Amino acid sequence: MRRAKKNVKTRNVVLKIENYKWLEQYKVDLMKERGGDASVTFDDAVTTLLEKHYGKKQRPERPTEERP
């Protein structure tokens, strides 16, 4: 496995096709819930799921980058 670069702003993730289809359907449902807002992204869907699971205040902090 390659080492992760430290100065990266975004990363790509790979999902199994079943998980992708489920997340895509969740995104569509989230659009409907928000009154037909077509600007919902996959990032919004994942963030919403994390907030539902952990709660807004209890969500684990993102790792901070070490800077020299």
PDB file of N, CA and C in Angstrom:
ATOM      1  N   MET A   1       0.832  -1.167   0.000  1.00  0.00           N
ATOM      2  CA  MET A   1       0.000   0.000   0.000  1.00  0.00           C
ATOM      3  C   MET A   1       0.885   1.241   0.000  1.00  0.00           C
ATOM      4  N   ARG A   2       0.516   2.222  -0.835  1.00  0.00           N
ATOM      5  CA  ARG A   2       1.312   3.441  -0.909  1.00  0.00           C
ATOM      6  C   ARG A   2       1.080   4.308   0.314  1.00  0.00           C
ATOM      7  N   ARG A   3       2.082   5.100   0.640  1.00  0.00           N
ATOM      8  CA  ARG A   3       1.950   6.032   1.750  1.00  0.00           C
ATOM      9  C   ARG A   3       1.108   7.229   1.306  1.00  0.00           C
ATOM     10  N   ALA A   4       0.274   7.713   2.198  1.00  0.00           N
ATOM     11  CA  ALA A   4      -0.574   8.856   1.890  1.00  0.00           C
ATOM     12  C   ALA A   4       0.240  10.146   1.957  1.00  0.00           C
ATOM     13  N   LYS A   5       0.012  11.009   1.001  1.00  0.00           N
ATOM     14  CA  LYS A   5       0.666  12.309   1.017  1.00  0.00           C
ATOM     15  C   LYS A   5       0.006  13.174   2.083  1.00  0.00           C
ATOM     16  N   LYS A   6       0.807  13.973   2.762  1.00  0.00           N
ATOM     17  CA  LYS A   6       0.289  14.777   3.857  1.00  0.00           C
ATOM     18  C   LYS A   6      -0.342  16.088   3.404  1.00  0.00           C
ATOM     19  N   ASN A   7       0.038  16.596   2.258  1.00  0.00           N
ATOM     20  CA  ASN A   7      -0.443  17.906   1.836  1.00  0.00           C
ATOM     21  C   ASN A   7      -1.608  17.828   0.840  1.00  0.00           C
ATOM     22  N   VAL A   8      -2.454  16.834   0.978  1.00  0.00           N
ATOM     23  CA  VAL A   8      -3.573  16.626   0.070  1.00  0.00           C
ATOM     24  C   VAL A   8      -4.830  17.243   0.665  1.00  0.00           C
ATOM     25  N   LYS A   9      -5.610  17.956  -0.144  1.00  0.00           N
ATOM     26  CA  LYS A   9      -6.852  18.583   0.316  1.00  0.00           C
ATOM     27  C   LYS A   9      -8.049  17.644   0.192  1.00  0.00           C
ATOM     28  N   THR A  10      -8.094  16.823  -0.854  1.00  0.00           N
ATOM     29  CA  THR A  10      -9.194  15.880  -1.046  1.00  0.00           C
ATOM     30  C   THR A  10      -8.624  14.511  -1.396  1.00  0.00           C
ATOM     31  N   ARG A  11      -9.412  13.487  -1.151  1.00  0.00           N
ATOM     32  CA  ARG A  11      -9.016  12.121  -1.497  1.00  0.00           C
ATOM     33  C   ARG A  11     -10.184  11.440  -2.201  1.00  0.00           C
ATOM     34  N   ASN A  12      -9.870  10.513  -3.067  1.00  0.00           N
ATOM     35  CA  ASN A  12     -10.886   9.694  -3.726  1.00  0.00           C
ATOM     36  C   ASN A  12     -11.074   8.430  -2.916  1.00  0.00           C
ATOM     37  N   VAL A  13     -12.292   7.960  -2.846  1.00  0.00           N
ATOM     38  CA  VAL A  13     -12.562   6.701  -2.167  1.00  0.00           C
ATOM     39  C   VAL A  13     -13.215   5.754  -3.159  1.00  0.00           C
ATOM     40  N   VAL A  14     -13.055   4.477  -2.909  1.00  0.00           N
ATOM     41  CA  VAL A  14     -13.649   3.450  -3.763  1.00  0.00           C
ATOM     42  C   VAL A  14     -14.731   2.754  -2.956  1.00  0.00           C
ATOM     43  N   LEU A  15     -15.918   2.672  -3.536  1.00  0.00           N
ATOM     44  CA  LEU A  15     -17.036   1.990  -2.889  1.00  0.00           C
ATOM     45  C   LEU A  15     -17.415   0.762  -3.688  1.00  0.00           C
ATOM     46  N   LYS A  16     -17.894  -0.246  -2.993  1.00  0.00           N
ATOM     47  CA  LYS A  16     -18.478  -1.380  -3.699  1.00  0.00           C
ATOM     48  C   LYS A  16     -19.728  -0.869  -4.394  1.00  0.00           C
ATOM     49  N   ILE A  17     -20.084  -1.472  -5.504  1.00  0.00           N
ATOM     50  CA  ILE A  17     -21.199  -0.992  -6.317  1.00  0.00           C
ATOM     51  C   ILE A  17     -22.503  -0.985  -5.520  1.00  0.00           C
ATOM     52  N   GLU A  18     -22.698  -1.959  -4.630  1.00  0.00           N
ATOM     53  CA  GLU A  18     -23.915  -1.996  -3.817  1.00  0.00           C
ATOM     54  C   GLU A  18     -23.978  -0.781  -2.892  1.00  0.00           C
ATOM     55  N   ASN A  19     -22.836  -0.429  -2.301  1.00  0.00           N
ATOM     56  CA  ASN A  19     -22.791   0.736  -1.414  1.00  0.00           C
ATOM     57  C   ASN A  19     -22.990   2.027  -2.196  1.00  0.00           C
ATOM     58  N   TYR A  20     -22.430   2.094  -3.389  1.00  0.00           N
ATOM     59  CA  TYR A  20     -22.605   3.274  -4.231  1.00  0.00           C
ATOM     60  C   TYR A  20     -24.072   3.460  -4.592  1.00  0.00           C
ATOM     61  N   LYS A  21     -24.741   2.378  -4.982  1.00  0.00           N
ATOM     62  CA  LYS A  21     -26.151   2.469  -5.349  1.00  0.00           C
ATOM     63  C   LYS A  21     -26.997   2.882  -4.148  1.00  0.00           C
ATOM     64  N   TRP A  22     -26.679   2.342  -2.969  1.00  0.00           N
ATOM     65  CA  TRP A  22     -27.405   2.710  -1.760  1.00  0.00           C
ATOM     66  C   TRP A  22     -27.195   4.187  -1.442  1.00  0.00           C
ATOM     67  N   LEU A  23     -25.952   4.663  -1.530  1.00  0.00           N
ATOM     68  CA  LEU A  23     -25.646   6.063  -1.252  1.00  0.00           C
ATOM     69  C   LEU A  23     -26.308   6.982  -2.284  1.00  0.00           C
ATOM     70  N   GLU A  24     -26.342   6.543  -3.521  1.00  0.00           N
ATOM     71  CA  GLU A  24     -26.996   7.323  -4.567  1.00  0.00           C
ATOM     72  C   GLU A  24     -28.494   7.454  -4.281  1.00  0.00           C
ATOM     73  N   GLN A  25     -29.131   6.373  -3.852  1.00  0.00           N
ATOM     74  CA  GLN A  25     -30.553   6.422  -3.506  1.00  0.00           C
ATOM     75  C   GLN A  25     -30.779   7.308  -2.283  1.00  0.00           C
ATOM     76  N   TYR A  26     -29.872   7.237  -1.308  1.00  0.00           N
ATOM     77  CA  TYR A  26     -29.979   8.091  -0.129  1.00  0.00           C
ATOM     78  C   TYR A  26     -29.863   9.568  -0.535  1.00  0.00           C
ATOM     79  N   LYS A  27     -28.988   9.845  -1.476  1.00  0.00           N
ATOM     80  CA  LYS A  27     -28.818  11.216  -1.976  1.00  0.00           C
ATOM     81  C   LYS A  27     -30.106  11.716  -2.629  1.00  0.00           C
ATOM     82  N   VAL A  28     -30.763  10.872  -3.420  1.00  0.00           N
ATOM     83  CA  VAL A  28     -32.034  11.236  -4.055  1.00  0.00           C
ATOM     84  C   VAL A  28     -33.102  11.504  -2.992  1.00  0.00           C
ATOM     85  N   ASP A  29     -33.151  10.634  -1.972  1.00  0.00           N
ATOM     86  CA  ASP A  29     -34.114  10.830  -0.885  1.00  0.00           C
ATOM     87  C   ASP A  29     -33.832  12.129  -0.129  1.00  0.00           C
ATOM     88  N   LEU A  30     -32.570  12.451   0.056  1.00  0.00           N
ATOM     89  CA  LEU A  30     -32.181  13.689   0.733  1.00  0.00           C
ATOM     90  C   LEU A  30     -32.599  14.903  -0.094  1.00  0.00           C
ATOM     91  N   MET A  31     -32.479  14.795  -1.417  1.00  0.00           N
ATOM     92  CA  MET A  31     -32.932  15.879  -2.290  1.00  0.00           C
ATOM     93  C   MET A  31     -34.434  16.112  -2.115  1.00  0.00           C
ATOM     94  N   LYS A  32     -35.204  15.032  -2.081  1.00  0.00           N
ATOM     95  CA  LYS A  32     -36.651  15.140  -1.907  1.00  0.00           C
ATOM     96  C   LYS A  32     -36.973  15.742  -0.540  1.00  0.00           C
ATOM     97  N   GLU A  33     -36.242  15.313   0.470  1.00  0.00           N
ATOM     98  CA  GLU A  33     -36.458  15.806   1.837  1.00  0.00           C
ATOM     99  C   GLU A  33     -36.188  17.308   1.927  1.00  0.00           C
ATOM    100  N   ARG A  34     -35.241  17.781   1.148  1.00  0.00           N
ATOM    101  CA  ARG A  34     -34.886  19.203   1.159  1.00  0.00           C
ATOM    102  C   ARG A  34     -35.694  20.011   0.145  1.00  0.00           C
ATOM    103  N   GLY A  35     -36.798  19.470  -0.289  1.00  0.00           N
ATOM    104  CA  GLY A  35     -37.702  20.211  -1.169  1.00  0.00           C
ATOM    105  C   GLY A  35     -37.267  20.247  -2.621  1.00  0.00           C
ATOM    106  N   GLY A  36     -36.642  19.179  -3.087  1.00  0.00           N
ATOM    107  CA  GLY A  36     -36.247  19.113  -4.489  1.00  0.00           C
ATOM    108  C   GLY A  36     -34.959  19.845  -4.812  1.00  0.00           C
ATOM    109  N   ASP A  37     -34.134  20.077  -3.795  1.00  0.00           N
ATOM    110  CA  ASP A  37     -32.856  20.773  -3.986  1.00  0.00           C
ATOM    111  C   ASP A  37     -31.897  19.871  -4.760  1.00  0.00           C
ATOM    112  N   ALA A  38     -31.631  20.221  -6.017  1.00  0.00           N
ATOM    113  CA  ALA A  38     -30.789  19.394  -6.884  1.00  0.00           C
ATOM    114  C   ALA A  38     -29.299  19.612  -6.629  1.00  0.00           C
ATOM    115  N   SER A  39     -28.950  20.522  -5.717  1.00  0.00           N
ATOM    116  CA  SER A  39     -27.533  20.805  -5.483  1.00  0.00           C
ATOM    117  C   SER A  39     -26.927  19.927  -4.389  1.00  0.00           C
ATOM    118  N   VAL A  40     -27.641  18.890  -3.945  1.00  0.00           N
ATOM    119  CA  VAL A  40     -27.111  17.979  -2.930  1.00  0.00           C
ATOM    120  C   VAL A  40     -26.015  17.129  -3.564  1.00  0.00           C
ATOM    121  N   THR A  41     -24.863  17.076  -2.900  1.00  0.00           N
ATOM    122  CA  THR A  41     -23.734  16.308  -3.415  1.00  0.00           C
ATOM    123  C   THR A  41     -23.568  15.021  -2.605  1.00  0.00           C
ATOM    124  N   PHE A  42     -22.698  14.137  -3.082  1.00  0.00           N
ATOM    125  CA  PHE A  42     -22.403  12.925  -2.330  1.00  0.00           C
ATOM    126  C   PHE A  42     -21.757  13.290  -0.992  1.00  0.00           C
ATOM    127  N   ASP A  43     -20.956  14.344  -0.986  1.00  0.00           N
ATOM    128  CA  ASP A  43     -20.337  14.794   0.259  1.00  0.00           C
ATOM    129  C   ASP A  43     -21.410  15.217   1.266  1.00  0.00           C
ATOM    130  N   ASP A  44     -22.444  15.906   0.792  1.00  0.00           N
ATOM    131  CA  ASP A  44     -23.557  16.296   1.664  1.00  0.00           C
ATOM    132  C   ASP A  44     -24.253  15.055   2.232  1.00  0.00           C
ATOM    133  N   ALA A  45     -24.458  14.056   1.393  1.00  0.00           N
ATOM    134  CA  ALA A  45     -25.126  12.833   1.828  1.00  0.00           C
ATOM    135  C   ALA A  45     -24.307  12.112   2.892  1.00  0.00           C
ATOM    136  N   VAL A  46     -23.012  11.999   2.673  1.00  0.00           N
ATOM    137  CA  VAL A  46     -22.141  11.316   3.640  1.00  0.00           C
ATOM    138  C   VAL A  46     -22.094  12.101   4.948  1.00  0.00           C
ATOM    139  N   THR A  47     -21.984  13.428   4.854  1.00  0.00           N
ATOM    140  CA  THR A  47     -21.956  14.260   6.054  1.00  0.00           C
ATOM    141  C   THR A  47     -23.240  14.105   6.852  1.00  0.00           C
ATOM    142  N   THR A  48     -24.383  14.073   6.160  1.00  0.00           N
ATOM    143  CA  THR A  48     -25.663  13.895   6.832  1.00  0.00           C
ATOM    144  C   THR A  48     -25.726  12.546   7.544  1.00  0.00           C
ATOM    145  N   LEU A  49     -25.245  11.510   6.896  1.00  0.00           N
ATOM    146  CA  LEU A  49     -25.233  10.188   7.525  1.00  0.00           C
ATOM    147  C   LEU A  49     -24.339  10.164   8.764  1.00  0.00           C
ATOM    148  N   LEU A  50     -23.175  10.788   8.674  1.00  0.00           N
ATOM    149  CA  LEU A  50     -22.275  10.842   9.828  1.00  0.00           C
ATOM    150  C   LEU A  50     -22.891  11.612  10.989  1.00  0.00           C
ATOM    151  N   GLU A  51     -23.571  12.716  10.675  1.00  0.00           N
ATOM    152  CA  GLU A  51     -24.225  13.495  11.721  1.00  0.00           C
ATOM    153  C   GLU A  51     -25.374  12.719  12.359  1.00  0.00           C
ATOM    154  N   LYS A  52     -26.103  11.938  11.564  1.00  0.00           N
ATOM    155  CA  LYS A  52     -27.175  11.113  12.127  1.00  0.00           C
ATOM    156  C   LYS A  52     -26.597  10.036  13.033  1.00  0.00           C
ATOM    157  N   HIS A  53     -25.468   9.462  12.628  1.00  0.00           N
ATOM    158  CA  HIS A  53     -24.875   8.382  13.410  1.00  0.00           C
ATOM    159  C   HIS A  53     -24.213   8.891  14.684  1.00  0.00           C
ATOM    160  N   TYR A  54     -23.379   9.911  14.545  1.00  0.00           N
ATOM    161  CA  TYR A  54     -22.608  10.403  15.688  1.00  0.00           C
ATOM    162  C   TYR A  54     -23.277  11.567  16.405  1.00  0.00           C
ATOM    163  N   GLY A  55     -24.180  12.250  15.765  1.00  0.00           N
ATOM    164  CA  GLY A  55     -24.707  13.498  16.304  1.00  0.00           C
ATOM    165  C   GLY A  55     -23.763  14.623  15.898  1.00  0.00           C
ATOM    166  N   LYS A  56     -24.274  15.834  15.833  1.00  0.00           N
ATOM    167  CA  LYS A  56     -23.443  16.936  15.355  1.00  0.00           C
ATOM    168  C   LYS A  56     -22.266  17.208  16.274  1.00  0.00           C
ATOM    169  N   LYS A  57     -22.471  17.153  17.571  1.00  0.00           N
ATOM    170  CA  LYS A  57     -21.411  17.498  18.512  1.00  0.00           C
ATOM    171  C   LYS A  57     -20.473  16.324  18.786  1.00  0.00           C
ATOM    172  N   GLN A  58     -20.950  15.104  18.609  1.00  0.00           N
ATOM    173  CA  GLN A  58     -20.180  13.931  18.985  1.00  0.00           C
ATOM    174  C   GLN A  58     -19.347  13.349  17.856  1.00  0.00           C
ATOM    175  N   ARG A  59     -19.463  13.922  16.679  1.00  0.00           N
ATOM    176  CA  ARG A  59     -18.729  13.404  15.524  1.00  0.00           C
ATOM    177  C   ARG A  59     -17.232  13.522  15.769  1.00  0.00           C
ATOM    178  N   PRO A  60     -16.469  12.476  15.459  1.00  0.00           N
ATOM    179  CA  PRO A  60     -15.023  12.534  15.683  1.00  0.00           C
ATOM    180  C   PRO A  60     -14.380  13.663  14.890  1.00  0.00           C
ATOM    181  N   GLU A  61     -13.379  14.264  15.472  1.00  0.00           N
ATOM    182  CA  GLU A  61     -12.668  15.342  14.793  1.00  0.00           C
ATOM    183  C   GLU A  61     -11.876  14.775  13.626  1.00  0.00           C
ATOM    184  N   ARG A  62     -11.739  15.585  12.601  1.00  0.00           N
ATOM    185  CA  ARG A  62     -10.906  15.187  11.471  1.00  0.00           C
ATOM    186  C   ARG A  62      -9.450  15.280  11.895  1.00  0.00           C
ATOM    187  N   PRO A  63      -8.634  14.386  11.408  1.00  0.00           N
ATOM    188  CA  PRO A  63      -7.198  14.476  11.760  1.00  0.00           C
ATOM    189  C   PRO A  63      -6.607  15.771  11.254  1.00  0.00           C
ATOM    190  N   THR A  64      -5.778  16.369  12.062  1.00  0.00           N
ATOM    191  CA  THR A  64      -5.133  17.604  11.639  1.00  0.00           C
ATOM    192  C   THR A  64      -3.820  17.266  10.967  1.00  0.00           C
ATOM    193  N   GLU A  65      -3.458  18.108  10.031  1.00  0.00           N
ATOM    194  CA  GLU A  65      -2.196  17.897   9.326  1.00  0.00           C
ATOM    195  C   GLU A  65      -1.052  18.402  10.200  1.00  0.00           C
ATOM    196  N   GLU A  66      -0.001  17.637  10.224  1.00  0.00           N
ATOM    197  CA  GLU A  66       1.184  18.068  10.963  1.00  0.00           C
ATOM    198  C   GLU A  66       1.973  19.005  10.065  1.00  0.00           C
ATOM    199  N   ARG A  67       2.286  20.155  10.593  1.00  0.00           N
ATOM    200  CA  ARG A  67       3.051  21.130   9.824  1.00  0.00           C
ATOM    201  C   ARG A  67       4.368  21.377  10.532  1.00  0.00           C
ATOM    202  N   PRO A  68       5.431  21.434   9.750  1.00  0.00           N
ATOM    203  CA  PRO A  68       6.755  21.644  10.376  1.00  0.00           C
ATOM    204  C   PRO A  68       6.925  23.035  10.940  1.00  0.00           C
TER     205      PRO A  68
END
